[in-house]
Amino acid sequence: MSRVVVVAGVGPGLSASVVREFADHGWSVGLLARTADTIDSLALEIEDDGIAALPVQADVTDPGDVTRAFEEIRTELGAVDVLVNHAAAVYAGGVSDITAAQFEEMWRGCVFGAFLCTRAVVPNMRDRNDGTIIFTGADAGTRARGDAVGFSSAKFAVRGLAQGMAKELGPDGIHVAHVVLHGGMETPRTRRAMPDIDHSSLLDPDDIATTYRHLARQSPRSRTTEVDIRSH
């Protein structure tokens, strides 16, 4: 049976590249997202190549949804070997610009959802004394931005969550890594939003996806807990 990776928060950018990277190397893939469009089409693409792919529509900030989603994944694909916590909510603005509801949505999307998904996979990983959990971080989570106070605070919390879990779960054989992305991503959305940008300065999602898979392959003696990825 192939190994199983779950990507929580699948969209058309980096997360889709991560899904394809693991699938290209024979991993069965679970795809989680609030809307079905992206995950359904991506799962069909992967299955056309003979790889098991399970799209699950779920809100990662809803405990019941998360429990249901991971039960379905374990039933259909097997125990989760790698979890990628990629879900996020983003609103720009300072403390006087964003609403209380937007601030809470960012915290729930970035941090609470990652907590719930991690909690769902840890018991099986502990039983096997093996597994990898990867958090997608951001430059805003290492250097706060005045025009993104909600997102910065949420990503700072993601970093703290990852560091705490690395210390807690490492002795149980579970590898926890936090990937900090410094710079914009080369995606169709970026090209539309910033048509005049120097695209050579943007991060390549396919290259970054390779880093995610390498993190999942590290031996216990040389596991990395934080990776900084920067554009030129």
C-alpha atoms as a PDB file:
ATOM      1  CA  MET A   1       0.000   0.000   0.000  1.00  0.00           C
ATOM      2  CA  SER A   2       1.312   3.481  -0.886  1.00  0.00           C
ATOM      3  CA  ARG A   3       1.960   6.114   1.721  1.00  0.00           C
ATOM      4  CA  VAL A   4      -0.721   8.735   2.379  1.00  0.00           C
ATOM      5  CA  VAL A   5      -0.405  12.518   2.401  1.00  0.00           C
ATOM      6  CA  VAL A   6      -3.206  14.927   3.264  1.00  0.00           C
ATOM      7  CA  VAL A   7      -3.076  18.558   2.165  1.00  0.00           C
ATOM      8  CA  ALA A   8      -5.469  20.740   4.154  1.00  0.00           C
ATOM      9  CA  GLY A   9      -6.498  23.905   2.342  1.00  0.00           C
ATOM     10  CA  VAL A  10      -6.072  22.967  -1.311  1.00  0.00           C
ATOM     11  CA  GLY A  11      -6.307  25.762  -3.857  1.00  0.00           C
ATOM     12  CA  PRO A  12      -4.840  26.520  -7.290  1.00  0.00           C
ATOM     13  CA  GLY A  13      -1.395  27.646  -6.073  1.00  0.00           C
ATOM     14  CA  LEU A  14       1.296  26.060  -3.908  1.00  0.00           C
ATOM     15  CA  SER A  15      -1.041  23.518  -2.345  1.00  0.00           C
ATOM     16  CA  ALA A  16      -1.937  22.104  -5.773  1.00  0.00           C
ATOM     17  CA  SER A  17       1.775  21.823  -6.569  1.00  0.00           C
ATOM     18  CA  VAL A  18       2.322  19.955  -3.302  1.00  0.00           C
ATOM     19  CA  VAL A  19      -0.497  17.545  -4.159  1.00  0.00           C
ATOM     20  CA  ARG A  20       0.975  16.884  -7.614  1.00  0.00           C
ATOM     21  CA  GLU A  21       4.523  16.489  -6.257  1.00  0.00           C
ATOM     22  CA  PHE A  22       3.561  13.748  -3.830  1.00  0.00           C
ATOM     23  CA  ALA A  23       1.246  12.054  -6.335  1.00  0.00           C
ATOM     24  CA  ASP A  24       3.996  12.077  -8.979  1.00  0.00           C
ATOM     25  CA  HIS A  25       6.085  10.007  -6.580  1.00  0.00           C
ATOM     26  CA  GLY A  26       3.379   7.449  -5.899  1.00  0.00           C
ATOM     27  CA  TRP A  27       1.752   8.793  -2.755  1.00  0.00           C
ATOM     28  CA  SER A  28      -1.994   8.462  -2.214  1.00  0.00           C
ATOM     29  CA  VAL A  29      -3.427  11.929  -1.650  1.00  0.00           C
ATOM     30  CA  GLY A  30      -6.244  13.335   0.464  1.00  0.00           C
ATOM     31  CA  LEU A  31      -7.369  16.816  -0.567  1.00  0.00           C
ATOM     32  CA  LEU A  32      -9.284  19.026   1.868  1.00  0.00           C
ATOM     33  CA  ALA A  33     -11.001  22.303   0.979  1.00  0.00           C
ATOM     34  CA  ARG A  34     -14.183  24.197   1.784  1.00  0.00           C
ATOM     35  CA  THR A  35     -15.276  24.199  -1.862  1.00  0.00           C
ATOM     36  CA  ALA A  36     -15.315  21.195  -4.143  1.00  0.00           C
ATOM     37  CA  ASP A  37     -14.347  22.694  -7.513  1.00  0.00           C
ATOM     38  CA  THR A  38     -10.560  22.702  -7.197  1.00  0.00           C
ATOM     39  CA  ILE A  39     -10.165  19.455  -5.288  1.00  0.00           C
ATOM     40  CA  ASP A  40     -12.546  17.503  -7.501  1.00  0.00           C
ATOM     41  CA  SER A  41     -10.779  18.464 -10.735  1.00  0.00           C
ATOM     42  CA  LEU A  42      -7.322  17.965  -9.230  1.00  0.00           C
ATOM     43  CA  ALA A  43      -8.274  14.554  -7.837  1.00  0.00           C
ATOM     44  CA  LEU A  44      -9.534  13.467 -11.265  1.00  0.00           C
ATOM     45  CA  GLU A  45      -6.257  14.609 -12.830  1.00  0.00           C
ATOM     46  CA  ILE A  46      -4.273  12.513 -10.349  1.00  0.00           C
ATOM     47  CA  GLU A  47      -6.490   9.468 -10.671  1.00  0.00           C
ATOM     48  CA  ASP A  48      -6.011   9.584 -14.450  1.00  0.00           C
ATOM     49  CA  ASP A  49      -2.355   8.815 -13.699  1.00  0.00           C
ATOM     50  CA  GLY A  50      -3.329   5.778 -11.626  1.00  0.00           C
ATOM     51  CA  ILE A  51      -2.802   7.324  -8.185  1.00  0.00           C
ATOM     52  CA  ALA A  52      -5.428   7.201  -5.435  1.00  0.00           C
ATOM     53  CA  ALA A  53      -6.810  10.654  -4.700  1.00  0.00           C
ATOM     54  CA  LEU A  54      -9.690  11.479  -2.371  1.00  0.00           C
ATOM     55  CA  PRO A  55     -11.266  14.959  -2.451  1.00  0.00           C
ATOM     56  CA  VAL A  56     -13.071  15.798   0.795  1.00  0.00           C
ATOM     57  CA  GLN A  57     -15.081  18.979   1.146  1.00  0.00           C
ATOM     58  CA  ALA A  58     -14.605  20.182   4.718  1.00  0.00           C
ATOM     59  CA  ASP A  59     -14.186  23.327   6.781  1.00  0.00           C
ATOM     60  CA  VAL A  60     -10.962  22.812   8.713  1.00  0.00           C
ATOM     61  CA  THR A  61     -12.139  25.253  11.389  1.00  0.00           C
ATOM     62  CA  ASP A  62     -15.124  23.032  12.219  1.00  0.00           C
ATOM     63  CA  PRO A  63     -14.212  20.212  14.659  1.00  0.00           C
ATOM     64  CA  GLY A  64     -17.006  17.976  13.400  1.00  0.00           C
ATOM     65  CA  ASP A  65     -16.033  18.477   9.772  1.00  0.00           C
ATOM     66  CA  VAL A  66     -12.402  17.677  10.528  1.00  0.00           C
ATOM     67  CA  THR A  67     -13.277  14.499  12.420  1.00  0.00           C
ATOM     68  CA  ARG A  68     -15.541  13.334   9.580  1.00  0.00           C
ATOM     69  CA  ALA A  69     -12.962  14.176   6.902  1.00  0.00           C
ATOM     70  CA  PHE A  70     -10.106  12.263   8.493  1.00  0.00           C
ATOM     71  CA  GLU A  71     -12.295   9.268   9.287  1.00  0.00           C
ATOM     72  CA  GLU A  72     -13.198   9.136   5.586  1.00  0.00           C
ATOM     73  CA  ILE A  73      -9.553   9.439   4.571  1.00  0.00           C
ATOM     74  CA  ARG A  74      -8.450   6.661   6.920  1.00  0.00           C
ATOM     75  CA  THR A  75     -11.239   4.415   5.635  1.00  0.00           C
ATOM     76  CA  GLU A  76     -10.562   5.037   1.950  1.00  0.00           C
ATOM     77  CA  LEU A  77      -6.783   5.568   1.840  1.00  0.00           C
ATOM     78  CA  GLY A  78      -5.366   4.381   5.159  1.00  0.00           C
ATOM     79  CA  ALA A  79      -3.545   6.035   8.051  1.00  0.00           C
ATOM     80  CA  VAL A  80      -2.027   9.446   7.291  1.00  0.00           C
ATOM     81  CA  ASP A  81       1.767   9.496   6.958  1.00  0.00           C
ATOM     82  CA  VAL A  82       2.136  13.206   6.129  1.00  0.00           C
ATOM     83  CA  LEU A  83      -0.122  16.168   6.906  1.00  0.00           C
ATOM     84  CA  VAL A  84       0.403  19.532   5.229  1.00  0.00           C
ATOM     85  CA  ASN A  85      -1.360  22.359   7.077  1.00  0.00           C
ATOM     86  CA  HIS A  86      -1.798  24.956   4.352  1.00  0.00           C
ATOM     87  CA  ALA A  87      -5.233  26.469   4.978  1.00  0.00           C
ATOM     88  CA  ALA A  88      -5.368  30.213   5.578  1.00  0.00           C
ATOM     89  CA  ALA A  89      -7.640  33.235   5.514  1.00  0.00           C
ATOM     90  CA  VAL A  90      -6.163  36.609   4.535  1.00  0.00           C
ATOM     91  CA  TYR A  91      -7.448  40.172   4.924  1.00  0.00           C
ATOM     92  CA  ALA A  92      -5.170  43.175   4.531  1.00  0.00           C
ATOM     93  CA  GLY A  93      -5.376  46.133   6.856  1.00  0.00           C
ATOM     94  CA  GLY A  94      -4.288  47.636  10.140  1.00  0.00           C
ATOM     95  CA  VAL A  95      -6.044  47.399  13.472  1.00  0.00           C
ATOM     96  CA  SER A  96      -8.557  50.099  12.499  1.00  0.00           C
ATOM     97  CA  ASP A  97      -9.237  48.592   9.084  1.00  0.00           C
ATOM     98  CA  ILE A  98     -10.119  44.946   9.636  1.00  0.00           C
ATOM     99  CA  THR A  99     -13.248  43.883  11.462  1.00  0.00           C
ATOM    100  CA  ALA A 100     -13.403  41.666  14.518  1.00  0.00           C
ATOM    101  CA  ALA A 101     -14.993  38.966  12.375  1.00  0.00           C
ATOM    102  CA  GLN A 102     -12.157  39.137   9.830  1.00  0.00           C
ATOM    103  CA  PHE A 103      -9.520  38.970  12.573  1.00  0.00           C
ATOM    104  CA  GLU A 104     -11.191  35.896  14.050  1.00  0.00           C
ATOM    105  CA  GLU A 105     -11.545  34.268  10.620  1.00  0.00           C
ATOM    106  CA  MET A 106      -7.821  34.668   9.985  1.00  0.00           C
ATOM    107  CA  TRP A 107      -6.949  33.140  13.348  1.00  0.00           C
ATOM    108  CA  ARG A 108      -9.356  30.260  12.842  1.00  0.00           C
ATOM    109  CA  GLY A 109      -8.257  29.612   9.267  1.00  0.00           C
ATOM    110  CA  CYS A 110      -4.517  29.732   9.918  1.00  0.00           C
ATOM    111  CA  VAL A 111      -4.169  28.417  13.472  1.00  0.00           C
ATOM    112  CA  PHE A 112      -7.267  26.698  14.804  1.00  0.00           C
ATOM    113  CA  GLY A 113      -7.717  24.660  11.636  1.00  0.00           C
ATOM    114  CA  ALA A 114      -4.097  23.500  11.771  1.00  0.00           C
ATOM    115  CA  PHE A 115      -4.571  22.505  15.404  1.00  0.00           C
ATOM    116  CA  LEU A 116      -7.685  20.466  14.590  1.00  0.00           C
ATOM    117  CA  CYS A 117      -6.122  18.701  11.605  1.00  0.00           C
ATOM    118  CA  THR A 118      -2.963  17.906  13.540  1.00  0.00           C
ATOM    119  CA  ARG A 119      -4.953  16.527  16.452  1.00  0.00           C
ATOM    120  CA  ALA A 120      -6.756  14.236  13.995  1.00  0.00           C
ATOM    121  CA  VAL A 121      -3.572  12.536  12.746  1.00  0.00           C
ATOM    122  CA  VAL A 122      -1.375  12.451  15.845  1.00  0.00           C
ATOM    123  CA  PRO A 123      -2.860   9.324  17.513  1.00  0.00           C
ATOM    124  CA  ASN A 124      -2.071   7.045  14.552  1.00  0.00           C
ATOM    125  CA  MET A 125       1.345   8.628  14.100  1.00  0.00           C
ATOM    126  CA  ARG A 126       2.136   8.055  17.758  1.00  0.00           C
ATOM    127  CA  ASP A 127       1.043   4.434  17.486  1.00  0.00           C
ATOM    128  CA  ARG A 128       3.486   3.931  14.591  1.00  0.00           C
ATOM    129  CA  ASN A 129       6.220   6.166  16.044  1.00  0.00           C
ATOM    130  CA  ASP A 130       6.424   7.839  12.653  1.00  0.00           C
ATOM    131  CA  GLY A 131       4.887  10.652  10.605  1.00  0.00           C
ATOM    132  CA  THR A 132       5.443  14.169   9.333  1.00  0.00           C
ATOM    133  CA  ILE A 133       3.418  17.343   9.897  1.00  0.00           C
ATOM    134  CA  ILE A 134       4.289  20.408   7.815  1.00  0.00           C
ATOM    135  CA  PHE A 135       3.014  23.934   8.438  1.00  0.00           C
ATOM    136  CA  THR A 136       3.059  26.589   5.724  1.00  0.00           C
ATOM    137  CA  GLY A 137       4.321  29.812   7.252  1.00  0.00           C
ATOM    138  CA  ALA A 138       4.949  33.294   5.898  1.00  0.00           C
ATOM    139  CA  ASP A 139       7.373  36.175   6.211  1.00  0.00           C
ATOM    140  CA  ALA A 140       4.569  38.038   7.991  1.00  0.00           C
ATOM    141  CA  GLY A 141       4.847  35.444  10.753  1.00  0.00           C
ATOM    142  CA  THR A 142       8.467  36.370  11.471  1.00  0.00           C
ATOM    143  CA  ARG A 143       8.319  40.138  10.891  1.00  0.00           C
ATOM    144  CA  ALA A 144       4.992  41.778  11.694  1.00  0.00           C
ATOM    145  CA  ARG A 145       3.470  44.089   9.101  1.00  0.00           C
ATOM    146  CA  GLY A 146       1.454  47.156   9.985  1.00  0.00           C
ATOM    147  CA  ASP A 147      -0.797  46.688   6.982  1.00  0.00           C
ATOM    148  CA  ALA A 148      -1.577  43.060   7.860  1.00  0.00           C
ATOM    149  CA  VAL A 149      -1.878  42.882  11.629  1.00  0.00           C
ATOM    150  CA  GLY A 150      -4.441  40.096  11.605  1.00  0.00           C
ATOM    151  CA  PHE A 151      -2.546  37.884   9.183  1.00  0.00           C
ATOM    152  CA  SER A 152       0.784  38.590  10.896  1.00  0.00           C
ATOM    153  CA  SER A 153      -0.572  37.667  14.316  1.00  0.00           C
ATOM    154  CA  ALA A 154      -2.137  34.489  12.921  1.00  0.00           C
ATOM    155  CA  LYS A 155       1.078  33.415  11.205  1.00  0.00           C
ATOM    156  CA  PHE A 156       3.108  34.208  14.328  1.00  0.00           C
ATOM    157  CA  ALA A 157       0.745  31.838  16.132  1.00  0.00           C
ATOM    158  CA  VAL A 158       1.265  29.175  13.455  1.00  0.00           C
ATOM    159  CA  ARG A 159       5.005  29.382  14.050  1.00  0.00           C
ATOM    160  CA  GLY A 160       4.515  29.012  17.794  1.00  0.00           C
ATOM    161  CA  LEU A 161       2.169  26.074  17.283  1.00  0.00           C
ATOM    162  CA  ALA A 162       4.676  24.333  15.018  1.00  0.00           C
ATOM    163  CA  GLN A 163       7.593  24.914  17.386  1.00  0.00           C
ATOM    164  CA  GLY A 164       5.631  23.680  20.388  1.00  0.00           C
ATOM    165  CA  MET A 165       4.435  20.589  18.569  1.00  0.00           C
ATOM    166  CA  ALA A 166       7.945  19.829  17.322  1.00  0.00           C
ATOM    167  CA  LYS A 167       9.140  19.671  20.921  1.00  0.00           C
ATOM    168  CA  GLU A 168       6.137  17.690  22.096  1.00  0.00           C
ATOM    169  CA  LEU A 169       5.896  15.186  19.248  1.00  0.00           C
ATOM    170  CA  GLY A 170       9.545  14.743  18.310  1.00  0.00           C
ATOM    171  CA  PRO A 171      10.158  12.153  21.065  1.00  0.00           C
ATOM    172  CA  ASP A 172       7.221  10.167  19.628  1.00  0.00           C
ATOM    173  CA  GLY A 173       8.944   9.887  16.246  1.00  0.00           C
ATOM    174  CA  ILE A 174       6.793  12.570  14.601  1.00  0.00           C
ATOM    175  CA  HIS A 175       8.598  15.137  12.468  1.00  0.00           C
ATOM    176  CA  VAL A 176       7.116  18.656  12.642  1.00  0.00           C
ATOM    177  CA  ALA A 177       8.406  21.280  10.208  1.00  0.00           C
ATOM    178  CA  HIS A 178       7.515  24.930   9.612  1.00  0.00           C
ATOM    179  CA  VAL A 179       8.175  26.302   6.109  1.00  0.00           C
ATOM    180  CA  VAL A 180       8.526  30.091   6.018  1.00  0.00           C
ATOM    181  CA  LEU A 181       7.812  31.600   2.606  1.00  0.00           C
ATOM    182  CA  HIS A 182       9.544  34.941   2.060  1.00  0.00           C
ATOM    183  CA  GLY A 183       8.143  36.567  -1.056  1.00  0.00           C
ATOM    184  CA  GLY A 184       5.306  36.358  -3.518  1.00  0.00           C
ATOM    185  CA  MET A 185       4.296  33.179  -5.320  1.00  0.00           C
ATOM    186  CA  GLU A 186       4.385  32.701  -9.091  1.00  0.00           C
ATOM    187  CA  THR A 187       0.724  31.896  -9.738  1.00  0.00           C
ATOM    188  CA  PRO A 188      -1.927  32.976 -12.259  1.00  0.00           C
ATOM    189  CA  ARG A 189      -3.525  35.069  -9.514  1.00  0.00           C
ATOM    190  CA  THR A 190      -0.253  36.931  -8.893  1.00  0.00           C
ATOM    191  CA  ARG A 191       0.223  37.555 -12.603  1.00  0.00           C
ATOM    192  CA  ARG A 192      -3.268  39.011 -12.868  1.00  0.00           C
ATOM    193  CA  ALA A 193      -2.915  41.166  -9.753  1.00  0.00           C
ATOM    194  CA  MET A 194       0.610  42.430 -10.528  1.00  0.00           C
ATOM    195  CA  PRO A 195       1.161  42.282 -14.309  1.00  0.00           C
ATOM    196  CA  ASP A 196       4.244  44.516 -14.143  1.00  0.00           C
ATOM    197  CA  ILE A 197       6.110  42.567 -11.468  1.00  0.00           C
ATOM    198  CA  ASP A 198       9.489  40.971 -12.211  1.00  0.00           C
ATOM    199  CA  HIS A 199       8.406  37.336 -12.256  1.00  0.00           C
ATOM    200  CA  SER A 200      11.956  36.117 -11.715  1.00  0.00           C
ATOM    201  CA  SER A 201      11.655  37.520  -8.178  1.00  0.00           C
ATOM    202  CA  LEU A 202       8.674  35.283  -7.344  1.00  0.00           C
ATOM    203  CA  LEU A 203       8.785  31.900  -5.646  1.00  0.00           C
ATOM    204  CA  ASP A 204       8.193  28.856  -7.846  1.00  0.00           C
ATOM    205  CA  PRO A 205       5.441  26.674  -6.295  1.00  0.00           C
ATOM    206  CA  ASP A 206       6.715  23.511  -8.005  1.00  0.00           C
ATOM    207  CA  ASP A 207      10.203  23.986  -6.549  1.00  0.00           C
ATOM    208  CA  ILE A 208       8.764  24.601  -3.094  1.00  0.00           C
ATOM    209  CA  ALA A 209       6.599  21.497  -3.377  1.00  0.00           C
ATOM    210  CA  THR A 210       9.772  19.463  -3.870  1.00  0.00           C
ATOM    211  CA  THR A 211      11.053  20.840  -0.558  1.00  0.00           C
ATOM    212  CA  TYR A 212       7.861  19.676   1.163  1.00  0.00           C
ATOM    213  CA  ARG A 213       8.340  16.136  -0.126  1.00  0.00           C
ATOM    214  CA  HIS A 214      11.992  16.109   0.904  1.00  0.00           C
ATOM    215  CA  LEU A 215      10.962  17.107   4.431  1.00  0.00           C
ATOM    216  CA  ALA A 216       8.709  14.052   4.526  1.00  0.00           C
ATOM    217  CA  ARG A 217      11.668  11.825   3.585  1.00  0.00           C
ATOM    218  CA  GLN A 218      14.184  13.057   6.168  1.00  0.00           C
ATOM    219  CA  SER A 219      15.611  10.460   8.514  1.00  0.00           C
ATOM    220  CA  PRO A 220      15.031  10.892  12.270  1.00  0.00           C
ATOM    221  CA  ARG A 221      18.692  11.818  12.771  1.00  0.00           C
ATOM    222  CA  SER A 222      18.603  14.823  10.421  1.00  0.00           C
ATOM    223  CA  ARG A 223      15.113  16.259  10.578  1.00  0.00           C
ATOM    224  CA  THR A 224      14.615  19.966   9.926  1.00  0.00           C
ATOM    225  CA  THR A 225      12.132  21.890  12.075  1.00  0.00           C
ATOM    226  CA  GLU A 226      12.155  25.211  10.213  1.00  0.00           C
ATOM    227  CA  VAL A 227      12.947  26.058   6.590  1.00  0.00           C
ATOM    228  CA  ASP A 228      13.276  29.554   5.105  1.00  0.00           C
ATOM    229  CA  ILE A 229      12.494  29.856   1.398  1.00  0.00           C
ATOM    230  CA  ARG A 230      13.277  33.188  -0.236  1.00  0.00           C
ATOM    231  CA  SER A 231      12.849  34.719  -3.664  1.00  0.00           C
ATOM    232  CA  HIS A 232      15.845  36.318  -5.407  1.00  0.00           C
END
